[in-house]
N, C-alpha and C. Protein backbone atom coordinates (compact mmCIF):
# COMPACT_ATOMS: atom_id res chain seq x y z
N MET A 1 0.83 -1.20 0.00
CA MET A 1 0.00 0.00 0.00
C MET A 1 0.87 1.25 0.00
N LYS A 2 1.93 1.22 0.84
CA LYS A 2 2.81 2.39 0.91
C LYS A 2 3.54 2.59 -0.41
N LYS A 3 3.86 1.49 -1.10
CA LYS A 3 4.52 1.59 -2.41
C LYS A 3 3.63 2.32 -3.40
N ASN A 4 2.34 1.97 -3.43
CA ASN A 4 1.40 2.61 -4.35
C ASN A 4 1.26 4.10 -4.07
N ASN A 5 1.17 4.47 -2.79
CA ASN A 5 1.07 5.87 -2.42
C ASN A 5 2.32 6.64 -2.85
N LEU A 6 3.48 6.01 -2.63
CA LEU A 6 4.74 6.64 -3.01
C LEU A 6 4.81 6.84 -4.53
N LEU A 7 4.33 5.85 -5.29
CA LEU A 7 4.31 5.97 -6.75
C LEU A 7 3.37 7.09 -7.19
N ILE A 8 2.22 7.19 -6.55
CA ILE A 8 1.26 8.24 -6.90
C ILE A 8 1.84 9.62 -6.61
N ILE A 9 2.49 9.76 -5.46
CA ILE A 9 3.10 11.05 -5.09
C ILE A 9 4.22 11.39 -6.07
N ALA A 10 5.05 10.40 -6.42
CA ALA A 10 6.15 10.63 -7.37
C ALA A 10 5.59 11.04 -8.73
N PHE A 11 4.54 10.38 -9.19
CA PHE A 11 3.92 10.71 -10.48
C PHE A 11 3.35 12.13 -10.46
N ALA A 12 2.67 12.49 -9.37
CA ALA A 12 2.11 13.83 -9.24
C ALA A 12 3.21 14.89 -9.24
N PHE A 13 4.31 14.60 -8.58
CA PHE A 13 5.44 15.52 -8.52
C PHE A 13 6.03 15.74 -9.91
N VAL A 14 6.22 14.64 -10.65
CA VAL A 14 6.76 14.74 -12.02
C VAL A 14 5.82 15.56 -12.90
N LEU A 15 4.52 15.32 -12.77
CA LEU A 15 3.54 16.10 -13.54
C LEU A 15 3.62 17.58 -13.19
N MET A 16 3.71 17.89 -11.91
CA MET A 16 3.77 19.28 -11.47
C MET A 16 5.02 19.96 -12.00
N ILE A 17 6.16 19.30 -11.90
CA ILE A 17 7.42 19.86 -12.38
C ILE A 17 7.38 20.08 -13.89
N SER A 18 6.87 19.09 -14.63
CA SER A 18 6.84 19.23 -16.09
C SER A 18 5.88 20.32 -16.53
N SER A 19 4.77 20.51 -15.81
CA SER A 19 3.84 21.57 -16.18
C SER A 19 4.43 22.94 -15.92
N CYS A 20 5.24 23.07 -14.87
CA CYS A 20 5.88 24.35 -14.59
C CYS A 20 6.95 24.66 -15.62
N SER A 21 7.72 23.67 -16.03
CA SER A 21 8.80 23.92 -16.97
C SER A 21 8.29 24.13 -18.38
N ASN A 22 7.06 23.73 -18.68
CA ASN A 22 6.51 23.87 -20.03
C ASN A 22 5.52 25.02 -20.13
N GLU A 23 5.58 25.97 -19.22
CA GLU A 23 4.61 27.06 -19.20
C GLU A 23 4.57 27.79 -20.53
N LYS A 24 5.72 28.15 -21.08
CA LYS A 24 5.76 28.87 -22.34
C LYS A 24 5.24 28.00 -23.48
N SER A 25 5.62 26.72 -23.49
CA SER A 25 5.17 25.79 -24.51
C SER A 25 3.65 25.67 -24.50
N ASP A 26 3.04 25.57 -23.31
CA ASP A 26 1.59 25.50 -23.21
C ASP A 26 0.94 26.75 -23.76
N GLU A 27 1.56 27.91 -23.54
CA GLU A 27 1.03 29.17 -24.03
C GLU A 27 0.95 29.16 -25.55
N VAL A 28 2.00 28.66 -26.20
CA VAL A 28 2.02 28.58 -27.66
C VAL A 28 0.95 27.61 -28.14
N GLU A 29 0.85 26.45 -27.48
CA GLU A 29 -0.15 25.46 -27.87
C GLU A 29 -1.55 26.01 -27.70
N LEU A 30 -1.81 26.74 -26.61
CA LEU A 30 -3.12 27.33 -26.39
C LEU A 30 -3.46 28.31 -27.49
N LYS A 31 -2.51 29.16 -27.87
CA LYS A 31 -2.75 30.10 -28.96
C LYS A 31 -3.07 29.35 -30.24
N SER A 32 -2.31 28.30 -30.53
CA SER A 32 -2.52 27.52 -31.74
C SER A 32 -3.89 26.83 -31.71
N SER A 33 -4.25 26.27 -30.55
CA SER A 33 -5.53 25.58 -30.45
C SER A 33 -6.69 26.53 -30.68
N LYS A 34 -6.60 27.73 -30.11
CA LYS A 34 -7.65 28.71 -30.35
C LYS A 34 -7.70 29.09 -31.82
N ALA A 35 -6.55 29.21 -32.44
CA ALA A 35 -6.50 29.57 -33.85
C ALA A 35 -7.11 28.48 -34.72
N LEU A 36 -6.93 27.21 -34.35
CA LEU A 36 -7.47 26.11 -35.15
C LEU A 36 -8.99 26.08 -35.10
N ALA A 37 -9.59 26.59 -34.04
CA ALA A 37 -11.05 26.61 -33.92
C ALA A 37 -11.70 27.39 -35.05
N GLN A 38 -10.97 28.31 -35.67
CA GLN A 38 -11.54 29.10 -36.76
C GLN A 38 -11.82 28.27 -38.02
N PHE A 39 -11.32 27.03 -38.05
CA PHE A 39 -11.54 26.17 -39.20
C PHE A 39 -12.71 25.21 -39.00
N ASN A 40 -13.44 25.33 -37.89
CA ASN A 40 -14.52 24.39 -37.59
C ASN A 40 -15.60 24.35 -38.66
N TRP A 41 -15.81 25.43 -39.40
CA TRP A 41 -16.83 25.42 -40.45
C TRP A 41 -16.49 24.41 -41.55
N LEU A 42 -15.24 23.96 -41.62
CA LEU A 42 -14.82 23.00 -42.64
C LEU A 42 -15.23 21.57 -42.28
N ILE A 43 -15.52 21.31 -41.00
CA ILE A 43 -15.85 19.95 -40.56
C ILE A 43 -17.11 19.46 -41.26
N GLY A 44 -17.05 18.24 -41.77
CA GLY A 44 -18.20 17.64 -42.42
C GLY A 44 -17.87 17.08 -43.79
N LYS A 45 -18.92 16.84 -44.57
CA LYS A 45 -18.79 16.24 -45.89
C LYS A 45 -19.10 17.28 -46.96
N TRP A 46 -18.21 17.39 -47.95
CA TRP A 46 -18.36 18.34 -49.04
C TRP A 46 -18.23 17.59 -50.35
N GLU A 47 -19.20 17.80 -51.27
CA GLU A 47 -19.17 17.07 -52.53
C GLU A 47 -19.55 17.96 -53.70
N GLU A 48 -18.95 17.62 -54.84
CA GLU A 48 -19.31 18.20 -56.13
C GLU A 48 -19.60 17.02 -57.04
N LYS A 49 -20.86 16.89 -57.47
CA LYS A 49 -21.28 15.71 -58.23
C LYS A 49 -21.72 16.10 -59.64
N THR A 50 -21.43 15.20 -60.57
CA THR A 50 -22.02 15.25 -61.90
C THR A 50 -22.60 13.86 -62.17
N ASP A 51 -23.12 13.64 -63.37
CA ASP A 51 -23.68 12.32 -63.69
C ASP A 51 -22.63 11.23 -63.64
N THR A 52 -21.38 11.57 -63.95
CA THR A 52 -20.34 10.54 -64.05
C THR A 52 -19.19 10.69 -63.05
N SER A 53 -19.21 11.76 -62.23
CA SER A 53 -18.06 11.96 -61.35
C SER A 53 -18.47 12.47 -59.97
N LEU A 54 -17.54 12.30 -59.05
CA LEU A 54 -17.70 12.82 -57.70
C LEU A 54 -16.34 13.36 -57.25
N MET A 55 -16.32 14.62 -56.87
CA MET A 55 -15.16 15.22 -56.22
C MET A 55 -15.61 15.50 -54.81
N ALA A 56 -14.87 15.00 -53.81
CA ALA A 56 -15.35 15.12 -52.43
C ALA A 56 -14.20 15.37 -51.47
N GLU A 57 -14.54 16.05 -50.37
CA GLU A 57 -13.65 16.21 -49.24
C GLU A 57 -14.46 15.94 -47.99
N TYR A 58 -13.85 15.20 -47.07
CA TYR A 58 -14.48 14.88 -45.80
C TYR A 58 -13.50 15.27 -44.69
N TRP A 59 -13.99 16.07 -43.73
CA TRP A 59 -13.14 16.62 -42.67
C TRP A 59 -13.72 16.29 -41.30
N ASN A 60 -12.82 15.98 -40.34
CA ASN A 60 -13.25 15.85 -38.95
C ASN A 60 -12.19 16.43 -38.03
N LEU A 61 -12.62 16.73 -36.82
CA LEU A 61 -11.74 17.30 -35.81
C LEU A 61 -11.22 16.16 -34.94
N GLU A 62 -9.90 15.97 -34.94
CA GLU A 62 -9.28 14.92 -34.14
C GLU A 62 -8.99 15.42 -32.72
N SER A 63 -8.53 16.66 -32.60
CA SER A 63 -8.20 17.24 -31.30
C SER A 63 -8.20 18.76 -31.46
N ASP A 64 -7.87 19.47 -30.39
CA ASP A 64 -7.83 20.93 -30.45
C ASP A 64 -6.80 21.44 -31.45
N SER A 65 -5.82 20.60 -31.77
CA SER A 65 -4.74 21.07 -32.65
C SER A 65 -4.61 20.27 -33.94
N LEU A 66 -5.59 19.41 -34.24
CA LEU A 66 -5.48 18.57 -35.44
C LEU A 66 -6.83 18.30 -36.08
N MET A 67 -6.93 18.60 -37.37
CA MET A 67 -8.06 18.20 -38.19
C MET A 67 -7.54 17.24 -39.24
N ARG A 68 -8.36 16.25 -39.59
CA ARG A 68 -7.98 15.31 -40.64
C ARG A 68 -9.03 15.35 -41.74
N GLY A 69 -8.54 15.23 -42.97
CA GLY A 69 -9.44 15.20 -44.10
C GLY A 69 -8.96 14.24 -45.17
N VAL A 70 -9.87 13.89 -46.04
CA VAL A 70 -9.52 13.14 -47.24
C VAL A 70 -10.19 13.84 -48.42
N ALA A 71 -9.53 13.78 -49.55
CA ALA A 71 -10.10 14.32 -50.79
C ALA A 71 -9.98 13.24 -51.85
N MET A 72 -11.00 13.17 -52.69
CA MET A 72 -10.97 12.15 -53.75
C MET A 72 -11.73 12.62 -54.97
N TYR A 73 -11.31 12.08 -56.10
CA TYR A 73 -12.02 12.31 -57.36
C TYR A 73 -12.32 10.95 -57.95
N ILE A 74 -13.61 10.69 -58.13
CA ILE A 74 -14.04 9.40 -58.69
C ILE A 74 -14.73 9.68 -60.01
N LEU A 75 -14.24 9.06 -61.07
CA LEU A 75 -14.79 9.23 -62.42
C LEU A 75 -15.26 7.87 -62.91
N LYS A 76 -16.55 7.79 -63.22
CA LYS A 76 -17.17 6.55 -63.71
C LYS A 76 -16.81 5.36 -62.83
N GLY A 77 -16.84 5.57 -61.52
CA GLY A 77 -16.61 4.49 -60.58
C GLY A 77 -15.15 4.21 -60.25
N ASP A 78 -14.21 4.85 -60.93
CA ASP A 78 -12.79 4.64 -60.66
C ASP A 78 -12.21 5.83 -59.90
N THR A 79 -11.45 5.56 -58.86
CA THR A 79 -10.80 6.62 -58.10
C THR A 79 -9.57 7.08 -58.86
N ASN A 80 -9.62 8.31 -59.37
CA ASN A 80 -8.52 8.88 -60.15
C ASN A 80 -7.56 9.69 -59.29
N PHE A 81 -8.03 10.10 -58.11
CA PHE A 81 -7.21 10.95 -57.25
C PHE A 81 -7.62 10.69 -55.81
N PHE A 82 -6.62 10.58 -54.92
CA PHE A 82 -6.92 10.41 -53.51
C PHE A 82 -5.80 11.03 -52.70
N GLU A 83 -6.17 11.82 -51.68
CA GLU A 83 -5.17 12.38 -50.78
C GLU A 83 -5.71 12.41 -49.36
N THR A 84 -4.80 12.29 -48.41
CA THR A 84 -5.12 12.51 -47.02
C THR A 84 -4.54 13.87 -46.65
N ILE A 85 -5.22 14.58 -45.77
CA ILE A 85 -4.82 15.95 -45.44
C ILE A 85 -4.93 16.15 -43.94
N THR A 86 -4.03 16.94 -43.39
CA THR A 86 -4.17 17.40 -42.01
C THR A 86 -4.09 18.91 -42.00
N ILE A 87 -4.82 19.51 -41.08
CA ILE A 87 -4.61 20.91 -40.71
C ILE A 87 -4.18 20.82 -39.25
N GLU A 88 -2.96 21.30 -39.00
CA GLU A 88 -2.37 21.06 -37.69
C GLU A 88 -1.71 22.32 -37.14
N ALA A 89 -1.97 22.58 -35.86
CA ALA A 89 -1.30 23.66 -35.14
C ALA A 89 -0.08 23.06 -34.47
N ARG A 90 1.10 23.59 -34.82
CA ARG A 90 2.34 23.12 -34.18
C ARG A 90 3.37 24.23 -34.18
N ASN A 91 4.08 24.33 -33.09
CA ASN A 91 5.13 25.34 -32.93
C ASN A 91 4.63 26.75 -33.20
N GLY A 92 3.39 27.04 -32.81
CA GLY A 92 2.84 28.39 -32.96
C GLY A 92 2.39 28.74 -34.37
N GLU A 93 2.43 27.78 -35.28
CA GLU A 93 2.01 27.99 -36.68
C GLU A 93 0.93 26.97 -37.02
N ILE A 94 0.24 27.19 -38.15
CA ILE A 94 -0.78 26.25 -38.62
C ILE A 94 -0.40 25.81 -40.03
N TYR A 95 -0.49 24.50 -40.25
CA TYR A 95 -0.08 23.92 -41.53
C TYR A 95 -1.20 23.07 -42.12
N TYR A 96 -1.33 23.15 -43.43
CA TYR A 96 -2.18 22.29 -44.25
C TYR A 96 -1.21 21.33 -44.92
N THR A 97 -1.34 20.01 -44.63
CA THR A 97 -0.35 19.06 -45.11
C THR A 97 -1.02 17.88 -45.81
N PRO A 98 -0.99 17.87 -47.14
CA PRO A 98 -1.55 16.74 -47.87
C PRO A 98 -0.49 15.67 -48.16
N ILE A 99 -0.96 14.45 -48.29
CA ILE A 99 -0.17 13.36 -48.85
C ILE A 99 -1.00 12.83 -50.01
N VAL A 100 -0.49 13.01 -51.23
CA VAL A 100 -1.23 12.65 -52.43
C VAL A 100 -0.72 11.31 -52.94
N ALA A 101 -1.65 10.38 -53.15
CA ALA A 101 -1.28 9.06 -53.66
C ALA A 101 -0.59 9.22 -55.02
N GLY A 102 0.59 8.61 -55.15
CA GLY A 102 1.31 8.63 -56.42
C GLY A 102 2.11 9.89 -56.69
N GLN A 103 2.21 10.80 -55.71
CA GLN A 103 2.97 12.04 -55.91
C GLN A 103 3.95 12.25 -54.76
N ASN A 104 5.02 12.98 -55.04
CA ASN A 104 6.01 13.38 -54.03
C ASN A 104 6.57 12.18 -53.26
N VAL A 105 6.68 11.04 -53.95
CA VAL A 105 7.21 9.81 -53.37
C VAL A 105 6.48 9.45 -52.06
N GLY A 106 5.19 9.77 -52.01
CA GLY A 106 4.39 9.46 -50.83
C GLY A 106 4.67 10.33 -49.62
N GLU A 107 5.47 11.38 -49.80
CA GLU A 107 5.81 12.27 -48.69
C GLU A 107 4.78 13.39 -48.56
N SER A 108 4.62 13.89 -47.35
CA SER A 108 3.72 15.01 -47.11
C SER A 108 4.37 16.31 -47.58
N VAL A 109 3.52 17.28 -47.92
CA VAL A 109 3.99 18.61 -48.34
C VAL A 109 3.30 19.64 -47.47
N PRO A 110 4.02 20.26 -46.52
CA PRO A 110 3.38 21.24 -45.63
C PRO A 110 3.23 22.62 -46.28
N PHE A 111 2.01 23.15 -46.21
CA PHE A 111 1.70 24.51 -46.67
C PHE A 111 1.40 25.33 -45.41
N LYS A 112 2.08 26.44 -45.24
CA LYS A 112 1.92 27.27 -44.04
C LYS A 112 0.76 28.25 -44.22
N LEU A 113 -0.02 28.42 -43.15
CA LEU A 113 -1.12 29.39 -43.17
C LEU A 113 -0.55 30.80 -43.33
N THR A 114 -1.03 31.52 -44.37
CA THR A 114 -0.57 32.89 -44.60
C THR A 114 -1.69 33.91 -44.42
N ILE A 115 -2.92 33.50 -44.67
CA ILE A 115 -4.07 34.40 -44.51
C ILE A 115 -5.20 33.60 -43.87
N ALA A 116 -5.80 34.14 -42.80
CA ALA A 116 -6.94 33.50 -42.15
C ALA A 116 -7.98 34.55 -41.85
N GLN A 117 -9.18 34.32 -42.36
CA GLN A 117 -10.32 35.18 -42.06
C GLN A 117 -11.44 34.29 -41.54
N ASP A 118 -12.56 34.87 -41.14
CA ASP A 118 -13.65 34.08 -40.55
C ASP A 118 -14.13 32.95 -41.46
N THR A 119 -14.20 33.21 -42.75
CA THR A 119 -14.76 32.21 -43.67
C THR A 119 -13.82 31.85 -44.82
N SER A 120 -12.56 32.12 -44.66
CA SER A 120 -11.61 31.73 -45.71
C SER A 120 -10.20 31.61 -45.13
N PHE A 121 -9.39 30.85 -45.83
CA PHE A 121 -8.00 30.75 -45.43
C PHE A 121 -7.14 30.40 -46.63
N VAL A 122 -5.85 30.77 -46.53
CA VAL A 122 -4.87 30.54 -47.59
C VAL A 122 -3.64 29.90 -46.96
N PHE A 123 -3.19 28.82 -47.57
CA PHE A 123 -1.95 28.16 -47.17
C PHE A 123 -1.00 28.21 -48.36
N GLU A 124 0.30 28.42 -48.08
CA GLU A 124 1.25 28.55 -49.18
C GLU A 124 2.55 27.80 -48.91
N ASP A 125 3.13 27.31 -49.99
CA ASP A 125 4.49 26.76 -50.01
C ASP A 125 5.10 27.20 -51.34
N PRO A 126 5.76 28.35 -51.37
CA PRO A 126 6.29 28.90 -52.62
C PRO A 126 7.36 28.02 -53.28
N LYS A 127 7.93 27.07 -52.53
CA LYS A 127 8.98 26.22 -53.08
C LYS A 127 8.44 24.93 -53.71
N HIS A 128 7.15 24.65 -53.51
CA HIS A 128 6.58 23.41 -54.05
C HIS A 128 6.39 23.55 -55.56
N ASP A 129 6.51 22.42 -56.30
CA ASP A 129 6.39 22.50 -57.76
C ASP A 129 4.99 22.95 -58.18
N PHE A 130 3.94 22.28 -57.76
CA PHE A 130 2.57 22.69 -57.99
C PHE A 130 1.68 21.90 -57.07
N PRO A 131 0.74 22.57 -56.42
CA PRO A 131 0.49 24.01 -56.39
C PRO A 131 1.41 24.69 -55.37
N GLN A 132 1.40 26.01 -55.41
CA GLN A 132 2.09 26.77 -54.38
C GLN A 132 1.10 27.38 -53.39
N LYS A 133 -0.17 27.41 -53.76
CA LYS A 133 -1.19 28.03 -52.91
C LYS A 133 -2.44 27.15 -52.86
N VAL A 134 -3.02 27.01 -51.65
CA VAL A 134 -4.26 26.27 -51.42
C VAL A 134 -5.22 27.23 -50.72
N VAL A 135 -6.42 27.40 -51.29
CA VAL A 135 -7.38 28.38 -50.76
C VAL A 135 -8.74 27.71 -50.56
N TYR A 136 -9.37 28.02 -49.41
CA TYR A 136 -10.73 27.58 -49.11
C TYR A 136 -11.55 28.81 -48.75
N GLU A 137 -12.78 28.88 -49.30
CA GLU A 137 -13.71 29.97 -48.97
C GLU A 137 -15.09 29.37 -48.71
N PHE A 138 -15.65 29.66 -47.55
CA PHE A 138 -16.99 29.21 -47.19
C PHE A 138 -17.99 30.28 -47.60
N HIS A 139 -19.05 29.85 -48.30
CA HIS A 139 -20.11 30.78 -48.72
C HIS A 139 -21.44 30.24 -48.20
N LEU A 140 -22.21 31.10 -47.53
CA LEU A 140 -23.51 30.69 -46.99
C LEU A 140 -24.45 30.30 -48.11
N PRO A 141 -25.38 29.40 -47.89
CA PRO A 141 -25.56 28.71 -46.64
C PRO A 141 -24.63 27.50 -46.49
N ASP A 142 -24.38 26.73 -47.53
CA ASP A 142 -23.58 25.51 -47.41
C ASP A 142 -22.71 25.25 -48.64
N ASN A 143 -22.00 26.27 -49.07
CA ASN A 143 -21.15 26.13 -50.24
C ASN A 143 -19.68 26.36 -49.88
N LEU A 144 -18.83 25.60 -50.51
CA LEU A 144 -17.40 25.71 -50.30
C LEU A 144 -16.72 25.86 -51.66
N TYR A 145 -16.00 26.94 -51.82
CA TYR A 145 -15.21 27.18 -53.02
C TYR A 145 -13.76 26.98 -52.62
N ALA A 146 -13.09 26.08 -53.31
CA ALA A 146 -11.68 25.82 -53.01
C ALA A 146 -10.91 25.84 -54.32
N TYR A 147 -9.66 26.26 -54.22
CA TYR A 147 -8.82 26.17 -55.41
C TYR A 147 -7.36 26.03 -55.02
N ILE A 148 -6.63 25.46 -55.96
CA ILE A 148 -5.18 25.38 -55.84
C ILE A 148 -4.63 26.13 -57.03
N GLU A 149 -3.48 26.79 -56.83
CA GLU A 149 -2.91 27.54 -57.94
C GLU A 149 -1.41 27.67 -57.78
N GLY A 150 -0.80 28.04 -58.90
CA GLY A 150 0.63 28.27 -58.89
C GLY A 150 1.18 28.15 -60.30
N VAL A 151 2.48 28.19 -60.38
CA VAL A 151 3.16 28.05 -61.66
C VAL A 151 3.56 26.60 -61.82
N ASP A 152 3.13 26.02 -62.93
CA ASP A 152 3.42 24.62 -63.23
C ASP A 152 4.17 24.56 -64.56
N GLU A 153 5.44 24.19 -64.51
CA GLU A 153 6.30 24.14 -65.69
C GLU A 153 6.29 25.47 -66.45
N GLY A 154 6.39 26.57 -65.68
CA GLY A 154 6.49 27.90 -66.27
C GLY A 154 5.18 28.56 -66.64
N VAL A 155 4.06 27.86 -66.43
CA VAL A 155 2.75 28.39 -66.81
C VAL A 155 1.86 28.45 -65.57
N PHE A 156 1.20 29.62 -65.36
CA PHE A 156 0.27 29.76 -64.24
C PHE A 156 -0.94 28.87 -64.46
N SER A 157 -1.38 28.20 -63.40
CA SER A 157 -2.53 27.30 -63.49
C SER A 157 -3.36 27.40 -62.22
N ARG A 158 -4.67 27.23 -62.37
CA ARG A 158 -5.58 27.21 -61.22
C ARG A 158 -6.60 26.09 -61.45
N GLN A 159 -6.82 25.30 -60.41
CA GLN A 159 -7.85 24.27 -60.43
C GLN A 159 -8.88 24.64 -59.38
N GLU A 160 -10.16 24.72 -59.79
CA GLU A 160 -11.22 25.18 -58.90
C GLU A 160 -12.19 24.04 -58.57
N TYR A 161 -12.73 24.12 -57.35
CA TYR A 161 -13.68 23.11 -56.88
C TYR A 161 -14.85 23.83 -56.22
N PHE A 162 -16.06 23.41 -56.57
CA PHE A 162 -17.28 24.02 -56.04
C PHE A 162 -18.07 22.95 -55.31
N TYR A 163 -17.96 22.94 -54.00
CA TYR A 163 -18.57 21.90 -53.18
C TYR A 163 -19.85 22.38 -52.54
N LYS A 164 -20.72 21.41 -52.24
CA LYS A 164 -21.90 21.64 -51.41
C LYS A 164 -21.79 20.72 -50.20
N ARG A 165 -22.22 21.25 -49.04
CA ARG A 165 -22.20 20.42 -47.82
C ARG A 165 -23.22 19.32 -47.96
N VAL A 166 -22.84 18.11 -47.57
CA VAL A 166 -23.74 16.96 -47.57
C VAL A 166 -24.21 16.76 -46.15
N LYS A 167 -25.51 16.71 -45.97
CA LYS A 167 -26.07 16.58 -44.61
C LYS A 167 -26.54 15.17 -44.34
């Protein structure tokens, strides 16, 4: 019994010491977590459908500092494009990080948040081949306009997506 009490006291002491030494770190995380809350309107299912295709993004909130999403393009029943995405608050910054199947040797590409407003945000990575910019804009009541853009092999290009929220 005394051993258990001693272990509990030791554990509480370690927790107390670590919380005191990480005061500044917690402050940064708190700021980041509050900043990530501004993306809550993105949570849910978003689709753009035609007779033969489906472009979709599905987002959920994993924690105060992490959102996860998937994006896919299905044409005539075949998946032509698939990516997993995170929006993550880390080190006082917010990043949009996709991993696209069949691209970048399966590695993630972090885009840093450069502009954030109540209903829109912009992430950029000027060193990436294409795209260099990822933009999302929420339009009432349940529309999402998203696009990627940048210079691709010396030519400016933009790909646009017009989603509706699926309830």
